Amino acid sequence: MTWQRTPDLPVYHSTLTMQALFDVLTPGSKDWILAQSIEAERLPSHIAIIMDGNGRWAQRRNLPRAAGHKAGMQSVRATVDTCRRLGIQALTLYAFSAENWKRPRAEVDMLWRLMRLYLRRELPEILANGIRLTCMGRLDGLPFQVREELEAAIQATAHNTGMRLNVALNYSGRAELVDALNAIVQDARLEGRLRDLRIDETVIAARLYTAGLPDPDLLIRTSGEMRISNFLLWQIAYSELYMTDTLWPDFRRTDLLHAVADYQKRDRRFGGLGPDAATSQDDWLEVAGGTLAR
């Protein structure tokens, strides 16, 4: 199992009311005021998060790194719940990179134990809320028990039509592109069309781990680091980036609402011009004529 891709099933279901969020907020509270400032019609469809800072959180409290990773599970729970209540269509979490294998064996083993613990604890609520779980990355490289429990959870939620919760495990953005190109070439070879193979952006996108998902509108990174860390290199070409100094174990509903509110202040032009900057053809001719006259 290298990646999970089932585009024939519904990717997500969303609501534009945000009522599920207001149902759990106290009128006049900080989160309630923040939520009031967010326009339901302009929510990001897909949020991706680089969950960083567990080790530093533990270090500042003179605790073992394991305590930081365990505390980070509460942030995952809060983030999934808030995104679902907001009506976010897809949430991708960077849980374990291909480079994380370089960490001490004891820490890596502990991370996999926490992953299994998360699945056992959260799967009933994931099912109850109609969330569809998928995973992406080179999943064949995961420990057998982890892979087995992941596959069971993925199958159990496969027909859910709520928010897509996509977890990146043993993931590398560069490896994803390598796998996509190799799959394209292999398909062409098997179908006898290798000599005539033409590759464009659409062909590549269809073979990415995220095929069937919209590209992330918003990429959040916690802990104050200013790098992408080999995450979704293709998909975030036009994502809005939001970096926060908050360490992942401290990241809660308020932090996510701040990120979404900030996202809605951005002018997303995708290489074009915003409506206020639009210039008519006559304006361009006038400018060009004036330049030539000089």
Protein backbone atom coordinates (compact mmCIF):
# COMPACT_ATOMS: atom_id res chain seq x y z
CA MET A 1 0.00 0.00 0.00
CA THR A 2 1.97 3.01 -1.24
CA TRP A 3 -0.77 5.60 -1.07
CA GLN A 4 -4.52 5.88 -0.59
CA ARG A 5 -6.42 7.17 -3.61
CA THR A 6 -10.13 6.55 -4.19
CA PRO A 7 -11.42 9.37 -6.43
CA ASP A 8 -14.56 7.41 -7.31
CA LEU A 9 -15.97 8.08 -3.82
CA PRO A 10 -17.12 11.51 -2.57
CA VAL A 11 -14.14 13.58 -1.45
CA TYR A 12 -15.99 15.67 1.08
CA HIS A 13 -19.23 17.24 2.15
CA SER A 14 -19.37 20.80 3.48
CA THR A 15 -21.78 23.27 4.97
CA LEU A 16 -21.69 27.04 4.70
CA THR A 17 -23.50 27.75 7.95
CA MET A 18 -20.75 27.09 10.56
CA GLN A 19 -23.63 26.37 12.93
CA ALA A 20 -21.88 23.29 14.31
CA LEU A 21 -19.08 25.57 15.52
CA PHE A 22 -21.36 28.15 17.11
CA ASP A 23 -23.19 25.32 18.89
CA VAL A 24 -20.16 24.82 21.15
CA LEU A 25 -19.08 28.47 21.55
CA THR A 26 -20.15 30.81 24.34
CA PRO A 27 -21.57 34.08 23.00
CA GLY A 28 -19.15 36.90 23.72
CA SER A 29 -16.16 34.59 24.23
CA LYS A 30 -12.88 35.12 22.34
CA ASP A 31 -13.55 32.18 20.04
CA TRP A 32 -17.13 33.34 19.43
CA ILE A 33 -15.90 36.82 18.43
CA LEU A 34 -13.26 35.29 16.14
CA ALA A 35 -15.81 32.98 14.54
CA GLN A 36 -18.14 35.94 13.94
CA SER A 37 -15.38 37.59 11.89
CA ILE A 38 -15.06 34.57 9.55
CA GLU A 39 -17.13 34.44 6.35
CA ALA A 40 -18.52 30.97 5.76
CA GLU A 41 -18.55 31.54 1.99
CA ARG A 42 -14.78 32.20 1.95
CA LEU A 43 -13.49 29.31 4.04
CA PRO A 44 -10.45 27.42 2.73
CA SER A 45 -11.55 24.16 1.15
CA HIS A 46 -8.40 22.33 2.20
CA ILE A 47 -6.11 23.11 5.15
CA ALA A 48 -2.71 21.42 5.51
CA ILE A 49 -0.71 21.60 8.73
CA ILE A 50 2.95 20.95 9.53
CA MET A 51 2.65 19.97 13.20
CA ASP A 52 5.95 21.13 14.69
CA GLY A 53 7.26 21.88 18.16
CA ASN A 54 6.47 18.81 20.27
CA GLY A 55 10.08 18.36 21.35
CA ARG A 56 10.60 22.01 22.28
CA TRP A 57 7.32 22.03 24.20
CA ALA A 58 8.58 19.13 26.32
CA GLN A 59 12.09 20.59 26.69
CA ARG A 60 10.75 23.88 28.07
CA ARG A 61 8.93 21.89 30.76
CA ASN A 62 11.87 19.60 31.53
CA LEU A 63 9.86 16.66 30.26
CA PRO A 64 10.88 13.81 27.93
CA ARG A 65 10.13 14.30 24.23
CA ALA A 66 7.50 11.60 24.48
CA ALA A 67 5.43 13.92 26.69
CA GLY A 68 5.42 16.53 23.91
CA HIS A 69 4.25 14.03 21.31
CA LYS A 70 1.53 12.78 23.61
CA ALA A 71 0.37 16.33 24.35
CA GLY A 72 0.25 16.97 20.62
CA MET A 73 -2.51 14.36 20.30
CA GLN A 74 -4.88 16.76 22.07
CA SER A 75 -4.08 19.40 19.47
CA VAL A 76 -4.91 16.93 16.70
CA ARG A 77 -8.24 16.22 18.36
CA ALA A 78 -9.05 19.93 18.77
CA THR A 79 -8.01 20.76 15.21
CA VAL A 80 -10.00 17.95 13.61
CA ASP A 81 -13.08 18.91 15.63
CA THR A 82 -12.80 22.62 14.80
CA CYS A 83 -12.23 22.02 11.08
CA ARG A 84 -15.23 19.70 10.97
CA ARG A 85 -17.44 22.22 12.74
CA LEU A 86 -16.24 25.04 10.49
CA GLY A 87 -17.19 23.06 7.40
CA ILE A 88 -13.64 22.62 6.09
CA GLN A 89 -13.72 20.03 3.33
CA ALA A 90 -10.28 18.46 3.79
CA LEU A 91 -7.57 18.55 6.45
CA THR A 92 -4.11 17.11 5.81
CA LEU A 93 -1.78 16.58 8.78
CA TYR A 94 1.97 16.01 8.38
CA ALA A 95 2.41 13.32 11.03
CA PHE A 96 5.63 11.50 10.07
CA SER A 97 8.08 12.43 7.33
CA ALA A 98 10.37 10.06 5.46
CA GLU A 99 13.23 11.90 7.16
CA ASN A 100 11.87 11.20 10.65
CA TRP A 101 13.36 7.71 10.52
CA LYS A 102 16.68 9.42 11.36
CA ARG A 103 15.46 10.02 14.91
CA PRO A 104 16.41 7.66 17.76
CA ARG A 105 14.78 4.24 17.46
CA ALA A 106 13.07 4.60 20.83
CA GLU A 107 11.38 7.85 19.76
CA VAL A 108 10.26 6.42 16.42
CA ASP A 109 8.78 3.34 18.12
CA MET A 110 6.98 5.59 20.59
CA LEU A 111 5.49 7.65 17.74
CA TRP A 112 4.03 4.51 16.18
CA ARG A 113 2.57 3.47 19.53
CA LEU A 114 0.92 6.88 19.81
CA MET A 115 -0.46 6.53 16.29
CA ARG A 116 -2.10 3.24 17.20
CA LEU A 117 -3.41 4.74 20.44
CA TYR A 118 -4.90 7.67 18.52
CA LEU A 119 -6.70 5.35 16.11
CA ARG A 120 -8.20 3.27 18.92
CA ARG A 121 -9.34 6.30 20.90
CA GLU A 122 -10.57 8.50 18.09
CA LEU A 123 -12.03 6.10 15.53
CA PRO A 124 -15.47 5.92 17.24
CA GLU A 125 -15.79 9.72 17.14
CA ILE A 126 -14.43 9.87 13.58
CA LEU A 127 -17.14 7.42 12.53
CA ALA A 128 -19.84 9.23 14.50
CA ASN A 129 -18.99 12.52 12.79
CA GLY A 130 -18.90 11.06 9.28
CA ILE A 131 -15.21 11.86 8.78
CA ARG A 132 -13.39 9.91 6.08
CA LEU A 133 -9.83 8.91 7.01
CA THR A 134 -7.15 8.49 4.36
CA CYS A 135 -3.36 8.27 4.54
CA MET A 136 -0.66 9.16 2.07
CA GLY A 137 3.02 8.39 1.75
CA ARG A 138 5.08 5.25 1.28
CA LEU A 139 2.87 3.26 3.62
CA ASP A 140 4.56 -0.06 2.79
CA GLY A 141 7.44 1.15 4.94
CA LEU A 142 5.34 1.40 8.11
CA PRO A 143 5.50 -1.24 10.85
CA PHE A 144 3.11 -4.11 10.13
CA GLN A 145 0.81 -3.52 13.11
CA VAL A 146 0.51 0.18 12.35
CA ARG A 147 -0.26 -0.50 8.69
CA GLU A 148 -2.82 -3.14 9.63
CA GLU A 149 -4.70 -0.84 12.01
CA LEU A 150 -4.54 2.05 9.55
CA GLU A 151 -6.00 -0.08 6.77
CA ALA A 152 -8.83 -1.17 9.06
CA ALA A 153 -9.63 2.44 9.99
CA ILE A 154 -9.47 3.58 6.37
CA GLN A 155 -11.86 0.83 5.30
CA ALA A 156 -14.22 1.56 8.20
CA THR A 157 -14.58 5.20 7.13
CA ALA A 158 -14.35 4.70 3.35
CA HIS A 159 -17.99 5.56 2.65
CA ASN A 160 -18.26 8.51 5.02
CA THR A 161 -19.14 11.76 3.25
CA GLY A 162 -18.00 14.27 5.86
CA MET A 163 -14.64 16.02 6.11
CA ARG A 164 -11.63 14.20 4.65
CA LEU A 165 -8.92 13.69 7.29
CA ASN A 166 -5.75 12.93 5.34
CA VAL A 167 -2.68 11.89 7.34
CA ALA A 168 0.81 12.02 5.82
CA LEU A 169 2.95 9.11 7.06
CA ASN A 170 6.43 8.18 5.85
CA TYR A 171 5.81 11.07 3.49
CA SER A 172 8.21 13.06 1.31
CA GLY A 173 7.15 15.62 -1.26
CA ARG A 174 10.06 14.68 -3.51
CA ALA A 175 9.31 10.97 -3.16
CA GLU A 176 5.68 11.68 -4.07
CA LEU A 177 6.75 13.26 -7.35
CA VAL A 178 9.15 10.38 -8.07
CA ASP A 179 6.38 7.85 -7.40
CA ALA A 180 3.93 9.77 -9.59
CA LEU A 181 6.32 9.91 -12.55
CA ASN A 182 7.31 6.27 -12.18
CA ALA A 183 3.62 5.29 -12.13
CA ILE A 184 2.94 7.32 -15.28
CA VAL A 185 5.84 5.70 -17.13
CA GLN A 186 4.89 2.22 -15.91
CA ASP A 187 1.28 2.65 -17.06
CA ALA A 188 2.45 3.81 -20.48
CA ARG A 189 4.84 0.86 -20.76
CA LEU A 190 2.13 -1.67 -19.86
CA GLU A 191 -0.29 -0.09 -22.34
CA GLY A 192 2.29 0.01 -25.14
CA ARG A 193 2.28 3.80 -25.55
CA LEU A 194 5.65 4.66 -24.03
CA ARG A 195 7.05 6.15 -27.27
CA ASP A 196 4.10 8.53 -27.56
CA LEU A 197 3.92 9.43 -23.86
CA ARG A 198 3.27 13.10 -23.19
CA ILE A 199 3.30 14.33 -19.59
CA ASP A 200 1.60 17.54 -18.51
CA GLU A 201 0.39 18.98 -15.20
CA THR A 202 -2.95 17.19 -15.39
CA VAL A 203 -1.30 13.80 -15.91
CA ILE A 204 1.04 14.35 -12.95
CA ALA A 205 -1.72 15.63 -10.65
CA ALA A 206 -3.78 12.51 -11.37
CA ARG A 207 -0.99 10.28 -10.02
CA LEU A 208 -0.12 12.23 -6.88
CA TYR A 209 -0.98 10.82 -3.46
CA THR A 210 -3.59 13.60 -3.16
CA ALA A 211 -5.42 12.82 -6.41
CA GLY A 212 -9.08 13.59 -5.89
CA LEU A 213 -8.42 16.29 -3.28
CA PRO A 214 -8.32 20.02 -3.97
CA ASP A 215 -4.91 21.62 -3.48
CA PRO A 216 -4.51 23.18 -0.02
CA ASP A 217 -5.73 26.77 0.17
CA LEU A 218 -4.01 27.31 3.51
CA LEU A 219 -0.78 25.79 4.85
CA ILE A 220 -0.17 26.26 8.58
CA ARG A 221 3.16 25.62 10.29
CA THR A 222 3.53 25.79 14.04
CA SER A 223 6.60 26.52 16.22
CA GLY A 224 7.86 29.57 14.30
CA GLU A 225 9.94 27.71 11.71
CA MET A 226 9.98 29.28 8.23
CA ARG A 227 10.34 26.29 5.93
CA ILE A 228 8.18 23.79 4.06
CA SER A 229 10.12 20.66 5.09
CA ASN A 230 9.49 18.66 1.90
CA PHE A 231 5.70 18.79 2.34
CA LEU A 232 3.23 18.89 -0.57
CA LEU A 233 5.78 20.54 -2.85
CA TRP A 234 3.54 20.31 -5.92
CA GLN A 235 0.20 21.04 -4.25
CA ILE A 236 1.11 24.23 -2.35
CA ALA A 237 2.15 26.21 -5.42
CA TYR A 238 -0.52 28.82 -4.63
CA SER A 239 -1.34 28.01 -1.02
CA GLU A 240 -1.44 30.83 1.51
CA LEU A 241 1.24 30.26 4.17
CA TYR A 242 0.56 30.94 7.85
CA MET A 243 3.45 30.56 10.29
CA THR A 244 2.77 30.79 14.02
CA ASP A 245 5.17 30.74 16.97
CA THR A 246 2.69 28.55 18.87
CA LEU A 247 4.14 25.10 19.52
CA TRP A 248 1.95 22.25 18.29
CA PRO A 249 0.90 20.94 21.75
CA ASP A 250 -0.43 24.44 22.55
CA PHE A 251 -2.34 24.79 19.26
CA ARG A 252 -6.08 24.91 19.91
CA ARG A 253 -9.34 26.18 18.40
CA THR A 254 -8.40 29.83 18.96
CA ASP A 255 -5.15 29.40 17.01
CA LEU A 256 -6.92 27.75 14.09
CA LEU A 257 -9.58 30.47 13.97
CA HIS A 258 -6.83 33.11 13.93
CA ALA A 259 -5.22 31.33 10.96
CA VAL A 260 -8.50 31.16 9.03
CA ALA A 261 -9.30 34.81 9.80
CA ASP A 262 -5.84 35.81 8.56
CA TYR A 263 -6.32 33.71 5.42
CA GLN A 264 -9.52 35.59 4.60
CA LYS A 265 -7.60 38.89 4.65
CA ARG A 266 -5.31 37.71 1.84
CA ASP A 267 -5.81 38.80 -1.78
CA ARG A 268 -5.47 35.55 -3.72
CA ARG A 269 -4.61 36.44 -7.33
CA PHE A 270 -2.99 33.19 -8.60
CA GLY A 271 -0.58 35.20 -10.73
CA GLY A 272 -3.21 37.59 -12.06
CA LEU A 273 -4.45 40.98 -10.89
CA GLY A 274 -7.02 41.78 -8.26
CA PRO A 275 -10.17 43.70 -9.26
CA ASP A 276 -8.77 46.97 -7.89
CA ALA A 277 -5.65 46.63 -10.02
CA ALA A 278 -7.41 45.79 -13.28
CA THR A 279 -6.32 48.04 -16.13
CA SER A 280 -8.26 48.44 -19.37
CA GLN A 281 -6.72 48.04 -22.80
CA ASP A 282 -7.14 51.79 -23.41
CA ASP A 283 -5.16 52.52 -20.22
CA TRP A 284 -2.33 50.30 -21.41
CA LEU A 285 -2.33 51.97 -24.83
CA GLU A 286 -2.26 55.40 -23.21
CA VAL A 287 0.69 54.41 -21.02
CA ALA A 288 2.51 52.83 -23.95
CA GLY A 289 1.85 55.88 -26.12
CA GLY A 290 3.17 58.21 -23.49
CA THR A 291 6.30 56.09 -23.11
CA LEU A 292 6.93 56.08 -26.84
CA ALA A 293 6.35 59.83 -27.07
CA ARG A 294 9.14 60.40 -24.57
